[in-house]
């Protein structure tokens, strides 16, 4: 999964920065309009937007980027509900992609979540096939 490249925005001109700073002075309510529709931001998103706007209001250049969480094999195994050894064996077989930081394995959280979804679908398919077989044997 590729991450979107960071975006760098230069600091605002002094007048714009002052106006923005004045607007933010006593406000915690950030509402955004997307295609004419009003959206109230959840607290985490609001805090990030307020921080971004405050930096711009100080005339700072800002960089916005994404961070994809990388897990140790122990963290990934715990998330997946499997043993650390079983997870390592799956990475050795290429069933779950792994990246190395020196000699340490790191696994993207998204890869573990995708694996869990695949397991869930496989179990549902097996359960459905088993139910179909029991229905056929009773006919």
N, C-alpha and C. Protein backbone atom coordinates (compact mmCIF):
# COMPACT_ATOMS: atom_id res chain seq x y z
N UNK A 1 0.85 -1.16 0.00
CA UNK A 1 0.00 0.00 0.00
C UNK A 1 0.90 1.23 0.00
N UNK A 2 0.77 2.04 -1.02
CA UNK A 2 1.60 3.23 -1.13
C UNK A 2 1.00 4.37 -0.32
N UNK A 3 1.90 5.15 0.27
CA UNK A 3 1.46 6.31 1.01
C UNK A 3 1.48 7.51 0.09
N UNK A 4 0.61 8.46 0.34
CA UNK A 4 0.59 9.69 -0.44
C UNK A 4 1.80 10.50 -0.06
N UNK A 5 2.46 11.05 -1.06
CA UNK A 5 3.67 11.84 -0.80
C UNK A 5 3.33 13.03 0.09
N UNK A 6 4.28 13.43 0.93
CA UNK A 6 4.04 14.59 1.80
C UNK A 6 3.75 15.84 0.96
N UNK A 7 2.96 16.71 1.52
CA UNK A 7 2.63 17.97 0.86
C UNK A 7 3.17 19.10 1.73
N UNK A 8 3.96 19.97 1.10
CA UNK A 8 4.55 21.10 1.82
C UNK A 8 3.80 22.36 1.41
N UNK A 9 3.33 23.11 2.40
CA UNK A 9 2.63 24.37 2.16
C UNK A 9 3.44 25.49 2.81
N UNK A 10 3.82 26.47 2.02
CA UNK A 10 4.60 27.57 2.59
C UNK A 10 3.76 28.37 3.59
N UNK A 11 4.44 29.11 4.47
CA UNK A 11 3.75 29.95 5.44
C UNK A 11 2.88 30.98 4.74
N UNK A 12 1.86 31.41 5.43
CA UNK A 12 0.94 32.40 4.87
C UNK A 12 1.57 33.79 4.88
N UNK A 13 1.14 34.64 3.95
CA UNK A 13 1.57 36.05 4.02
C UNK A 13 1.11 36.64 5.36
N UNK A 14 1.81 37.64 5.84
CA UNK A 14 1.59 38.21 7.18
C UNK A 14 0.13 38.58 7.44
N UNK A 15 -0.53 39.26 6.49
CA UNK A 15 -1.93 39.67 6.70
C UNK A 15 -2.84 38.46 6.85
N UNK A 16 -2.67 37.48 5.97
CA UNK A 16 -3.49 36.27 6.05
C UNK A 16 -3.23 35.52 7.36
N UNK A 17 -1.97 35.46 7.77
CA UNK A 17 -1.61 34.78 9.01
C UNK A 17 -2.27 35.46 10.21
N UNK A 18 -2.24 36.80 10.25
CA UNK A 18 -2.87 37.53 11.36
C UNK A 18 -4.38 37.29 11.40
N UNK A 19 -5.02 37.34 10.23
CA UNK A 19 -6.47 37.12 10.17
C UNK A 19 -6.83 35.71 10.65
N UNK A 20 -6.05 34.74 10.24
CA UNK A 20 -6.30 33.37 10.67
C UNK A 20 -6.07 33.23 12.17
N UNK A 21 -5.01 33.82 12.68
CA UNK A 21 -4.73 33.77 14.11
C UNK A 21 -5.87 34.39 14.92
N UNK A 22 -6.42 35.50 14.44
CA UNK A 22 -7.55 36.16 15.11
C UNK A 22 -8.77 35.24 15.11
N UNK A 23 -9.02 34.56 14.00
CA UNK A 23 -10.17 33.66 13.90
C UNK A 23 -10.04 32.47 14.85
N UNK A 24 -8.82 32.00 15.04
CA UNK A 24 -8.59 30.82 15.88
C UNK A 24 -8.52 31.14 17.36
N UNK A 25 -8.37 32.42 17.68
CA UNK A 25 -8.06 32.84 19.04
C UNK A 25 -8.92 32.18 20.11
N UNK A 26 -10.21 32.22 19.98
CA UNK A 26 -11.08 31.66 21.01
C UNK A 26 -12.01 30.60 20.46
N UNK A 27 -11.57 29.91 19.40
CA UNK A 27 -12.46 28.95 18.76
C UNK A 27 -11.88 27.55 18.82
N UNK A 28 -12.73 26.61 19.12
CA UNK A 28 -12.37 25.20 19.05
C UNK A 28 -13.30 24.47 18.09
N UNK A 29 -14.25 25.20 17.51
CA UNK A 29 -15.22 24.59 16.61
C UNK A 29 -14.74 24.75 15.17
N UNK A 30 -14.33 23.66 14.58
CA UNK A 30 -13.89 23.68 13.19
C UNK A 30 -14.92 22.90 12.39
N UNK A 31 -15.56 23.56 11.47
CA UNK A 31 -16.53 22.94 10.59
C UNK A 31 -16.01 23.06 9.17
N UNK A 32 -16.10 21.99 8.41
CA UNK A 32 -15.62 22.04 7.03
C UNK A 32 -16.79 21.86 6.08
N UNK A 33 -16.64 22.43 4.91
CA UNK A 33 -17.63 22.28 3.85
C UNK A 33 -16.99 21.47 2.73
N UNK A 34 -17.65 20.39 2.35
CA UNK A 34 -17.19 19.57 1.24
C UNK A 34 -18.33 19.51 0.24
N UNK A 35 -18.09 20.08 -0.94
CA UNK A 35 -19.13 20.14 -1.98
C UNK A 35 -20.44 20.71 -1.43
N UNK A 36 -20.32 21.75 -0.60
CA UNK A 36 -21.50 22.43 -0.07
C UNK A 36 -22.15 21.75 1.11
N UNK A 37 -21.61 20.61 1.55
CA UNK A 37 -22.16 19.89 2.69
C UNK A 37 -21.32 20.18 3.92
N UNK A 38 -21.99 20.50 5.03
CA UNK A 38 -21.30 20.81 6.28
C UNK A 38 -20.92 19.52 6.99
N UNK A 39 -19.68 19.44 7.46
CA UNK A 39 -19.20 18.29 8.23
C UNK A 39 -18.55 18.79 9.51
N UNK A 40 -19.03 18.33 10.64
CA UNK A 40 -18.38 18.65 11.92
C UNK A 40 -17.32 17.58 12.14
N UNK A 41 -16.11 18.01 12.40
CA UNK A 41 -15.00 17.07 12.53
C UNK A 41 -14.99 16.39 13.89
N UNK A 42 -14.63 15.10 13.93
CA UNK A 42 -14.44 14.45 15.22
C UNK A 42 -13.25 15.10 15.95
N UNK A 43 -13.17 14.92 17.26
CA UNK A 43 -12.16 15.61 18.07
C UNK A 43 -10.74 15.44 17.55
N UNK A 44 -10.35 14.21 17.17
CA UNK A 44 -8.98 13.98 16.73
C UNK A 44 -8.69 14.77 15.45
N UNK A 45 -9.62 14.73 14.51
CA UNK A 45 -9.43 15.46 13.25
C UNK A 45 -9.45 16.97 13.50
N UNK A 46 -10.36 17.40 14.38
CA UNK A 46 -10.43 18.83 14.71
C UNK A 46 -9.11 19.31 15.29
N UNK A 47 -8.55 18.53 16.22
CA UNK A 47 -7.28 18.92 16.84
C UNK A 47 -6.16 19.02 15.81
N UNK A 48 -6.14 18.08 14.87
CA UNK A 48 -5.10 18.11 13.83
C UNK A 48 -5.28 19.34 12.94
N UNK A 49 -6.52 19.66 12.58
CA UNK A 49 -6.79 20.82 11.72
C UNK A 49 -6.46 22.11 12.46
N UNK A 50 -6.84 22.21 13.73
CA UNK A 50 -6.53 23.41 14.51
C UNK A 50 -5.02 23.60 14.62
N UNK A 51 -4.30 22.50 14.84
CA UNK A 51 -2.84 22.58 14.93
C UNK A 51 -2.25 23.06 13.60
N UNK A 52 -2.73 22.51 12.50
CA UNK A 52 -2.26 22.92 11.18
C UNK A 52 -2.54 24.40 10.94
N UNK A 53 -3.76 24.83 11.23
CA UNK A 53 -4.12 26.23 11.02
C UNK A 53 -3.33 27.16 11.93
N UNK A 54 -3.09 26.74 13.17
CA UNK A 54 -2.31 27.57 14.10
C UNK A 54 -0.89 27.75 13.59
N UNK A 55 -0.31 26.71 13.05
CA UNK A 55 1.04 26.81 12.49
C UNK A 55 1.06 27.76 11.29
N UNK A 56 0.06 27.62 10.44
CA UNK A 56 -0.02 28.53 9.29
C UNK A 56 -0.22 29.97 9.75
N UNK A 57 -1.00 30.16 10.83
CA UNK A 57 -1.28 31.51 11.33
C UNK A 57 -0.01 32.16 11.90
N UNK A 58 0.96 31.35 12.26
CA UNK A 58 2.24 31.88 12.75
C UNK A 58 3.22 32.09 11.60
N UNK A 59 2.75 31.85 10.37
CA UNK A 59 3.61 32.03 9.21
C UNK A 59 4.57 30.87 8.96
N UNK A 60 4.34 29.74 9.64
CA UNK A 60 5.23 28.59 9.49
C UNK A 60 4.91 27.82 8.21
N UNK A 61 5.94 27.23 7.62
CA UNK A 61 5.75 26.29 6.53
C UNK A 61 5.38 24.95 7.17
N UNK A 62 4.40 24.27 6.61
CA UNK A 62 3.97 23.00 7.18
C UNK A 62 4.08 21.88 6.15
N UNK A 63 4.31 20.68 6.65
CA UNK A 63 4.34 19.49 5.82
C UNK A 63 3.29 18.54 6.37
N UNK A 64 2.43 18.05 5.49
CA UNK A 64 1.41 17.08 5.89
C UNK A 64 1.76 15.77 5.22
N UNK A 65 1.82 14.69 6.01
CA UNK A 65 2.11 13.38 5.45
C UNK A 65 1.38 12.31 6.25
N UNK A 66 1.39 11.11 5.74
CA UNK A 66 0.76 9.97 6.41
C UNK A 66 1.84 9.11 7.06
N UNK A 67 1.44 8.41 8.10
CA UNK A 67 2.33 7.46 8.74
C UNK A 67 1.59 6.14 8.82
N UNK A 68 2.17 5.11 8.22
CA UNK A 68 1.56 3.80 8.30
C UNK A 68 2.21 3.05 9.45
N UNK A 69 1.40 2.50 10.33
CA UNK A 69 1.95 1.88 11.52
C UNK A 69 2.63 0.55 11.19
N UNK A 70 3.87 0.45 11.63
CA UNK A 70 4.64 -0.78 11.48
C UNK A 70 4.68 -1.46 12.85
N UNK A 71 4.46 -2.76 12.87
CA UNK A 71 4.40 -3.52 14.11
C UNK A 71 5.59 -4.48 14.21
N UNK A 72 6.00 -4.75 15.43
CA UNK A 72 6.95 -5.83 15.65
C UNK A 72 6.21 -7.14 15.43
N UNK A 73 6.94 -8.25 15.31
CA UNK A 73 6.26 -9.53 15.13
C UNK A 73 5.42 -9.87 16.37
N UNK A 74 5.89 -9.48 17.55
CA UNK A 74 5.11 -9.74 18.78
C UNK A 74 3.80 -8.96 18.76
N UNK A 75 3.87 -7.68 18.37
CA UNK A 75 2.65 -6.87 18.31
C UNK A 75 1.70 -7.41 17.25
N UNK A 76 2.24 -7.78 16.09
CA UNK A 76 1.40 -8.30 15.00
C UNK A 76 0.75 -9.62 15.41
N UNK A 77 1.51 -10.50 16.08
CA UNK A 77 0.97 -11.78 16.52
C UNK A 77 -0.15 -11.57 17.54
N UNK A 78 0.05 -10.63 18.44
CA UNK A 78 -0.98 -10.34 19.44
C UNK A 78 -2.25 -9.81 18.78
N UNK A 79 -2.08 -8.90 17.81
CA UNK A 79 -3.23 -8.36 17.08
C UNK A 79 -3.99 -9.46 16.35
N UNK A 80 -3.24 -10.39 15.77
CA UNK A 80 -3.87 -11.47 14.99
C UNK A 80 -4.38 -12.60 15.86
N UNK A 81 -3.97 -12.62 17.13
CA UNK A 81 -4.41 -13.70 18.02
C UNK A 81 -3.73 -15.02 17.72
N UNK A 82 -2.47 -14.96 17.26
CA UNK A 82 -1.71 -16.16 16.94
C UNK A 82 -0.36 -16.08 17.66
N UNK A 83 0.37 -17.18 17.64
CA UNK A 83 1.67 -17.18 18.31
C UNK A 83 2.71 -16.44 17.47
N UNK A 84 3.69 -15.94 18.17
CA UNK A 84 4.80 -15.23 17.55
C UNK A 84 5.52 -16.16 16.55
N UNK A 85 5.72 -17.42 16.93
CA UNK A 85 6.41 -18.39 16.06
C UNK A 85 5.60 -18.66 14.80
N UNK A 86 4.30 -18.84 14.95
CA UNK A 86 3.44 -19.09 13.80
C UNK A 86 3.49 -17.90 12.83
N UNK A 87 3.46 -16.71 13.37
CA UNK A 87 3.54 -15.51 12.52
C UNK A 87 4.88 -15.45 11.80
N UNK A 88 5.97 -15.71 12.51
CA UNK A 88 7.29 -15.70 11.87
C UNK A 88 7.34 -16.72 10.74
N UNK A 89 6.78 -17.90 10.96
CA UNK A 89 6.76 -18.93 9.92
C UNK A 89 5.96 -18.45 8.70
N UNK A 90 4.84 -17.75 8.94
CA UNK A 90 4.05 -17.23 7.82
C UNK A 90 4.83 -16.18 7.04
N UNK A 91 5.59 -15.34 7.74
CA UNK A 91 6.39 -14.34 7.02
C UNK A 91 7.50 -15.03 6.23
N UNK A 92 8.07 -16.11 6.78
CA UNK A 92 9.11 -16.86 6.06
C UNK A 92 8.56 -17.47 4.78
N UNK A 93 7.30 -17.91 4.82
CA UNK A 93 6.66 -18.52 3.65
C UNK A 93 6.10 -17.47 2.69
N UNK A 94 6.12 -16.19 3.08
CA UNK A 94 5.62 -15.12 2.22
C UNK A 94 4.12 -14.94 2.30
N UNK A 95 3.47 -15.55 3.28
CA UNK A 95 2.02 -15.43 3.43
C UNK A 95 1.63 -14.05 3.96
N UNK A 96 2.51 -13.46 4.74
CA UNK A 96 2.31 -12.11 5.25
C UNK A 96 3.58 -11.33 4.91
N UNK A 97 3.44 -10.21 4.21
CA UNK A 97 4.62 -9.43 3.84
C UNK A 97 5.33 -8.85 5.06
N UNK A 98 6.63 -8.81 4.99
CA UNK A 98 7.44 -8.33 6.10
C UNK A 98 8.53 -7.41 5.56
N UNK A 99 8.93 -6.46 6.36
CA UNK A 99 10.05 -5.59 6.03
C UNK A 99 11.08 -5.75 7.13
N UNK A 100 12.32 -5.61 6.78
CA UNK A 100 13.38 -5.74 7.78
C UNK A 100 13.97 -4.39 8.10
N UNK A 101 14.18 -4.14 9.38
CA UNK A 101 14.91 -2.98 9.87
C UNK A 101 16.15 -3.59 10.52
N UNK A 102 17.23 -3.66 9.76
CA UNK A 102 18.39 -4.41 10.23
C UNK A 102 17.99 -5.87 10.23
N UNK A 103 18.08 -6.51 11.37
CA UNK A 103 17.69 -7.93 11.48
C UNK A 103 16.28 -8.09 12.05
N UNK A 104 15.62 -6.98 12.34
CA UNK A 104 14.30 -7.03 12.97
C UNK A 104 13.19 -6.97 11.92
N UNK A 105 12.22 -7.85 12.06
CA UNK A 105 11.08 -7.87 11.16
C UNK A 105 10.06 -6.83 11.60
N UNK A 106 9.47 -6.16 10.60
CA UNK A 106 8.38 -5.22 10.87
C UNK A 106 7.25 -5.55 9.89
N UNK A 107 6.05 -5.51 10.40
CA UNK A 107 4.88 -5.89 9.61
C UNK A 107 3.89 -4.74 9.65
N UNK A 108 3.37 -4.39 8.48
CA UNK A 108 2.38 -3.32 8.42
C UNK A 108 1.09 -3.78 9.09
N UNK A 109 0.52 -2.89 9.89
CA UNK A 109 -0.73 -3.20 10.56
C UNK A 109 -1.80 -3.55 9.52
N UNK A 110 -1.80 -2.86 8.40
CA UNK A 110 -2.78 -3.13 7.34
C UNK A 110 -2.66 -4.55 6.81
N UNK A 111 -1.42 -5.09 6.78
CA UNK A 111 -1.22 -6.46 6.29
C UNK A 111 -1.85 -7.47 7.25
N UNK A 112 -1.74 -7.21 8.54
CA UNK A 112 -2.34 -8.11 9.53
C UNK A 112 -3.86 -8.04 9.45
N UNK A 113 -4.38 -6.84 9.32
CA UNK A 113 -5.84 -6.68 9.23
C UNK A 113 -6.37 -7.36 7.96
N UNK A 114 -5.64 -7.23 6.85
CA UNK A 114 -6.05 -7.90 5.61
C UNK A 114 -6.02 -9.41 5.78
N UNK A 115 -5.00 -9.94 6.44
CA UNK A 115 -4.90 -11.38 6.69
C UNK A 115 -6.08 -11.85 7.54
N UNK A 116 -6.40 -11.08 8.58
CA UNK A 116 -7.54 -11.43 9.44
C UNK A 116 -8.84 -11.47 8.64
N UNK A 117 -9.03 -10.50 7.75
CA UNK A 117 -10.24 -10.48 6.91
C UNK A 117 -10.30 -11.72 6.01
N UNK A 118 -9.16 -12.09 5.44
CA UNK A 118 -9.09 -13.28 4.58
C UNK A 118 -9.45 -14.52 5.39
N UNK A 119 -8.93 -14.63 6.61
CA UNK A 119 -9.24 -15.78 7.46
C UNK A 119 -10.72 -15.83 7.80
N UNK A 120 -11.29 -14.68 8.08
CA UNK A 120 -12.71 -14.61 8.42
C UNK A 120 -13.57 -15.07 7.23
N UNK A 121 -13.23 -14.60 6.03
CA UNK A 121 -13.99 -14.99 4.83
C UNK A 121 -13.85 -16.48 4.56
N UNK A 122 -12.63 -17.03 4.75
CA UNK A 122 -12.39 -18.45 4.53
C UNK A 122 -13.23 -19.27 5.52
N UNK A 123 -13.26 -18.86 6.78
CA UNK A 123 -14.05 -19.58 7.78
C UNK A 123 -15.54 -19.51 7.48
N UNK A 124 -15.99 -18.35 7.00
CA UNK A 124 -17.41 -18.22 6.65
C UNK A 124 -17.74 -19.12 5.46
N UNK A 125 -16.84 -19.19 4.48
CA UNK A 125 -17.07 -20.05 3.31
C UNK A 125 -17.10 -21.51 3.72
N UNK A 126 -16.19 -21.91 4.61
CA UNK A 126 -16.16 -23.29 5.09
C UNK A 126 -17.43 -23.62 5.87
N UNK A 127 -17.88 -22.69 6.71
CA UNK A 127 -19.10 -22.91 7.48
C UNK A 127 -20.30 -23.03 6.56
N UNK A 128 -20.34 -22.19 5.54
CA UNK A 128 -21.43 -22.22 4.58
C UNK A 128 -21.43 -23.53 3.79
N UNK A 129 -20.24 -23.98 3.38
CA UNK A 129 -20.13 -25.24 2.64
C UNK A 129 -20.54 -26.41 3.54
N UNK A 130 -20.17 -26.37 4.81
CA UNK A 130 -20.55 -27.42 5.75
C UNK A 130 -22.05 -27.45 5.97
N UNK A 131 -22.67 -26.29 6.03
CA UNK A 131 -24.13 -26.22 6.20
C UNK A 131 -24.83 -26.78 4.97
N UNK A 132 -24.29 -26.49 3.78
CA UNK A 132 -24.88 -27.01 2.54
C UNK A 132 -24.78 -28.54 2.49
N UNK A 133 -23.65 -29.11 2.93
CA UNK A 133 -23.46 -30.55 2.92
C UNK A 133 -24.42 -31.24 3.88
N UNK A 134 -24.63 -30.64 5.06
CA UNK A 134 -25.54 -31.28 6.02
C UNK A 134 -26.98 -31.21 5.53
N UNK A 135 -27.33 -30.13 4.82
CA UNK A 135 -28.67 -30.01 4.26
C UNK A 135 -28.87 -31.07 3.16
N UNK A 136 -27.82 -31.26 2.32
CA UNK A 136 -27.92 -32.25 1.24
C UNK A 136 -28.04 -33.66 1.79
N UNK A 137 -27.36 -33.98 2.89
CA UNK A 137 -27.39 -35.35 3.42
C UNK A 137 -28.73 -35.68 4.08
N UNK A 138 -29.48 -34.65 4.46
CA UNK A 138 -30.79 -34.87 5.07
C UNK A 138 -31.90 -34.97 4.04
N UNK A 139 -31.59 -34.73 2.79
CA UNK A 139 -32.63 -34.74 1.75
C UNK A 139 -32.97 -36.14 1.31
